[in-house]
Protein backbone atom coordinates (compact mmCIF):
# COMPACT_ATOMS: atom_id res chain seq x y z
CA MET A 1 189.73 -137.35 78.39
CA ARG A 2 193.10 -139.01 78.58
CA ALA A 3 191.52 -141.65 80.81
CA ALA A 4 189.25 -142.48 77.93
CA GLN A 5 192.35 -142.81 75.56
CA GLN A 6 194.09 -144.99 77.94
CA GLN A 7 191.01 -147.17 78.50
CA ALA A 8 190.79 -147.48 74.67
CA LYS A 9 194.47 -148.45 74.38
CA ASP A 10 194.05 -150.91 77.13
CA ALA A 11 190.92 -152.37 75.37
CA TYR A 12 192.98 -152.71 72.23
CA LYS A 13 195.76 -154.59 73.90
CA THR A 14 193.19 -156.94 75.45
CA ALA A 15 191.35 -157.50 72.09
CA THR A 16 194.65 -158.23 70.21
CA SER A 17 195.82 -160.43 73.05
CA THR A 18 192.56 -162.27 72.88
CA ALA A 19 192.90 -162.68 69.16
CA ASP A 20 196.38 -164.07 69.56
CA LYS A 21 195.08 -166.53 72.22
CA TYR A 22 192.23 -167.76 69.97
CA SER A 23 194.71 -168.06 67.09
CA SER A 24 197.22 -170.02 69.12
CA ALA A 25 194.43 -172.16 70.59
CA GLY A 26 192.94 -172.69 67.16
CA ASP A 27 196.37 -173.70 65.69
CA GLN A 28 196.79 -176.19 68.51
CA ILE A 29 193.42 -177.68 68.28
CA SER A 30 193.67 -177.88 64.49
CA SER A 31 196.95 -179.72 64.54
CA SER A 32 195.77 -182.26 66.81
CA LEU A 33 192.13 -182.79 65.57
CA ILE A 34 192.19 -181.90 61.84
CA PRO A 35 194.53 -184.58 60.51
CA GLY A 36 192.40 -187.46 61.98
CA LEU A 37 189.08 -185.78 60.76
CA GLU A 38 190.56 -185.34 57.33
CA ARG A 39 191.64 -188.96 57.19
CA GLU A 40 188.12 -189.92 58.26
CA ALA A 41 186.65 -187.65 55.74
CA GLN A 42 188.66 -188.81 52.79
CA ASN A 43 188.89 -192.55 53.78
CA PRO A 44 185.95 -193.54 56.05
CA GLU A 45 186.14 -196.84 57.63
CA GLY A 46 183.31 -198.85 59.09
CA TYR A 47 183.84 -201.56 61.74
CA THR A 48 187.36 -202.61 62.70
CA PRO A 49 188.52 -206.17 61.75
CA GLU A 50 187.97 -207.27 65.30
CA GLU A 51 184.46 -205.84 65.32
CA MET A 52 183.61 -207.45 62.12
CA ASN A 53 185.02 -210.90 63.38
CA ASN A 54 183.03 -210.65 66.53
CA GLN A 55 179.81 -210.03 64.54
CA LEU A 56 180.54 -212.89 62.09
CA VAL A 57 181.19 -215.31 64.83
CA ALA A 58 177.96 -214.39 66.55
CA SER A 59 176.08 -214.90 63.31
CA GLU A 60 177.65 -218.13 62.75
CA GLN A 61 176.86 -219.39 66.18
CA GLY A 62 173.24 -218.44 65.64
CA ALA A 63 173.12 -220.14 62.23
CA GLY A 64 174.96 -223.33 63.69
CA GLY A 65 172.43 -223.44 66.45
CA ALA A 66 169.51 -223.43 63.99
CA ASN A 67 171.12 -225.91 61.85
CA ALA A 68 171.76 -228.29 64.79
CA GLY A 69 168.14 -228.03 65.60
CA VAL A 70 167.11 -229.23 62.14
CA VAL A 71 169.62 -231.99 62.05
CA GLY A 72 168.41 -232.98 65.65
CA GLU A 73 164.82 -233.08 64.51
CA ALA A 74 165.75 -235.13 61.43
CA SER A 75 167.72 -237.61 63.49
CA SER A 76 164.79 -237.75 66.10
CA ARG A 77 162.34 -238.60 63.27
CA LEU A 78 164.73 -241.25 61.85
CA ALA A 79 165.00 -242.91 65.18
CA ARG A 80 161.27 -242.94 65.85
CA THR A 81 160.21 -244.00 62.42
CA ARG A 82 163.27 -246.18 61.41
CA ASN A 83 162.64 -244.70 57.98
CA SER A 84 165.70 -243.20 56.42
CA ALA A 85 163.93 -241.90 53.36
CA GLY A 86 164.40 -238.22 53.07
CA TYR A 87 167.02 -238.17 55.93
CA SER A 88 169.93 -237.25 53.58
CA ASN A 89 167.72 -234.70 51.83
CA VAL A 90 166.86 -232.99 55.10
CA LEU A 91 170.58 -232.82 55.95
CA ASP A 92 171.43 -231.41 52.63
CA GLU A 93 168.82 -228.69 52.80
CA ALA A 94 169.86 -227.91 56.30
CA ALA A 95 173.44 -227.31 55.03
CA ARG A 96 172.22 -225.24 52.10
CA ASP A 97 170.03 -223.11 54.58
CA LYS A 98 172.95 -222.63 57.12
CA THR A 99 175.19 -221.51 54.01
CA ARG A 100 172.58 -219.18 52.86
CA GLN A 101 172.10 -217.65 56.34
CA LEU A 102 175.77 -217.24 56.84
CA SER A 103 176.20 -215.49 53.51
CA GLU A 104 173.17 -213.22 54.28
CA ASN A 105 174.62 -212.33 57.77
CA ALA A 106 178.12 -211.52 56.35
CA LEU A 107 176.43 -209.30 53.69
CA ASN A 108 174.41 -207.40 56.36
CA ILE A 109 177.47 -206.92 58.51
CA GLN A 110 179.28 -205.49 55.42
CA ASN A 111 176.28 -203.25 54.59
CA LYS A 112 176.23 -202.01 58.15
CA SER A 113 179.94 -201.43 58.22
CA SER A 114 179.51 -199.31 54.93
CA GLU A 115 176.82 -197.22 56.56
CA LEU A 116 178.91 -196.71 59.58
CA GLY A 117 181.85 -195.49 57.31
CA GLN A 118 179.44 -193.02 55.61
CA LYS A 119 178.06 -191.71 58.88
CA LYS A 120 181.72 -191.32 60.16
CA GLN A 121 182.52 -189.44 56.95
CA LEU A 122 179.61 -187.12 57.23
CA ALA A 123 180.47 -186.41 60.95
CA ALA A 124 184.13 -185.70 60.16
CA GLN A 125 183.19 -183.33 57.43
CA SER A 126 180.77 -181.57 59.77
CA GLU A 127 183.32 -181.37 62.52
CA LEU A 128 185.94 -179.99 60.15
CA SER A 129 183.55 -177.24 58.94
CA HIS A 130 182.52 -176.40 62.56
CA LEU A 131 186.13 -176.18 63.73
CA TYR A 132 187.16 -173.97 60.88
CA GLY A 133 184.08 -171.74 61.30
CA THR A 134 184.60 -171.37 65.03
CA ASP A 135 188.23 -170.76 64.84
CA VAL A 136 188.02 -168.04 62.08
CA ASN A 137 184.92 -166.51 63.71
CA ALA A 138 186.50 -166.11 67.13
CA ASN A 139 189.81 -164.64 65.70
CA LEU A 140 188.00 -162.32 63.42
CA GLU A 141 185.66 -161.06 66.22
CA ALA A 142 188.65 -160.34 68.55
CA GLN A 143 190.29 -158.40 65.65
CA GLY A 144 187.10 -156.49 65.04
CA LEU A 145 187.17 -155.44 68.67
CA ALA A 146 190.66 -154.17 68.19
CA THR A 147 189.45 -152.07 65.30
CA LYS A 148 186.57 -150.67 67.40
CA ASP A 149 188.97 -149.84 70.30
CA ILE A 150 191.29 -148.04 67.92
CA GLN A 151 188.20 -145.88 66.71
CA THR A 152 187.26 -145.32 70.31
CA GLU A 153 190.77 -144.11 71.07
CA VAL A 154 190.67 -141.70 68.11
CA GLU A 155 187.24 -140.38 69.20
CA ALA A 156 188.50 -140.03 72.79
CA GLY A 157 191.42 -137.93 71.39
CA LYS A 158 189.17 -135.55 69.72
CA SER A 159 187.87 -134.13 73.00
CA GLY A 160 189.34 -132.20 75.77
CA TRP A 161 189.52 -128.45 76.68
CA PHE A 162 191.83 -127.64 73.76
CA GLN A 163 189.96 -129.62 71.18
CA ASN A 164 186.68 -128.26 72.37
CA MET A 165 188.01 -124.62 72.33
CA THR A 166 189.05 -125.15 68.81
CA ASN A 167 185.74 -126.56 67.89
CA LEU A 168 184.08 -123.60 69.49
CA ILE A 169 186.29 -120.98 67.68
CA SER A 170 185.59 -122.81 64.33
CA SER A 171 181.87 -122.76 64.81
CA LEU A 172 181.73 -119.10 65.93
CA GLY A 173 183.97 -118.32 62.82
CA GLY A 174 181.56 -120.15 60.63
CA ALA A 175 178.59 -118.51 62.22
CA ALA A 176 180.22 -114.94 61.86
CA LYS A 177 180.90 -115.77 58.18
CA GLY A 178 177.30 -116.95 57.65
CA ALA A 179 175.97 -113.72 59.33
CA ALA A 180 178.33 -111.60 57.03
CA ASP A 181 177.11 -113.48 53.91
CA ALA A 182 173.45 -113.00 54.96
CA LYS A 183 174.07 -109.26 55.45
CA MET A 184 175.40 -109.06 52.07
CA ALA A 185 172.63 -110.97 50.53
CA PHE A 186 169.93 -108.86 52.05
CA GLY A 187 171.84 -105.60 52.17
């Protein structure tokens, strides 16, 4: 039974070593990931300024192209009909349409940036929760194994020829006392 005790001791050492490794790895992961995730959870950011600028430029190009088409059509009609009536009105309306479109595009890009920030915030909060749960659970599980290994070692120490003989003598003594008590009761 000494072998069982040694195995339990070895298992305890392995479990505590594993718990220490999880704790150390968790500390290392936490120190590198958690600060960034906490920043993202507390102050979420949408698109970067460069991404916003690229999207605004692309939307301006689209609006400019549409405006150029309207102006081109108005110029073509003016040249065909030689009637300038309404030409300046068409140009004014085209400029207003372009301004409205640019404003709508910029607002849509801002809204998408806000939505992205909210998604990043939720993802960061979820990751923080997951990291914390994984770290704590792995460490506690390894520590729980150490406790089980201690219990196994104690149980292994309860057996052997000396302990078995002691248990036999105790049970025989209990049986003899029970027989004596029964004899006295029934007389």
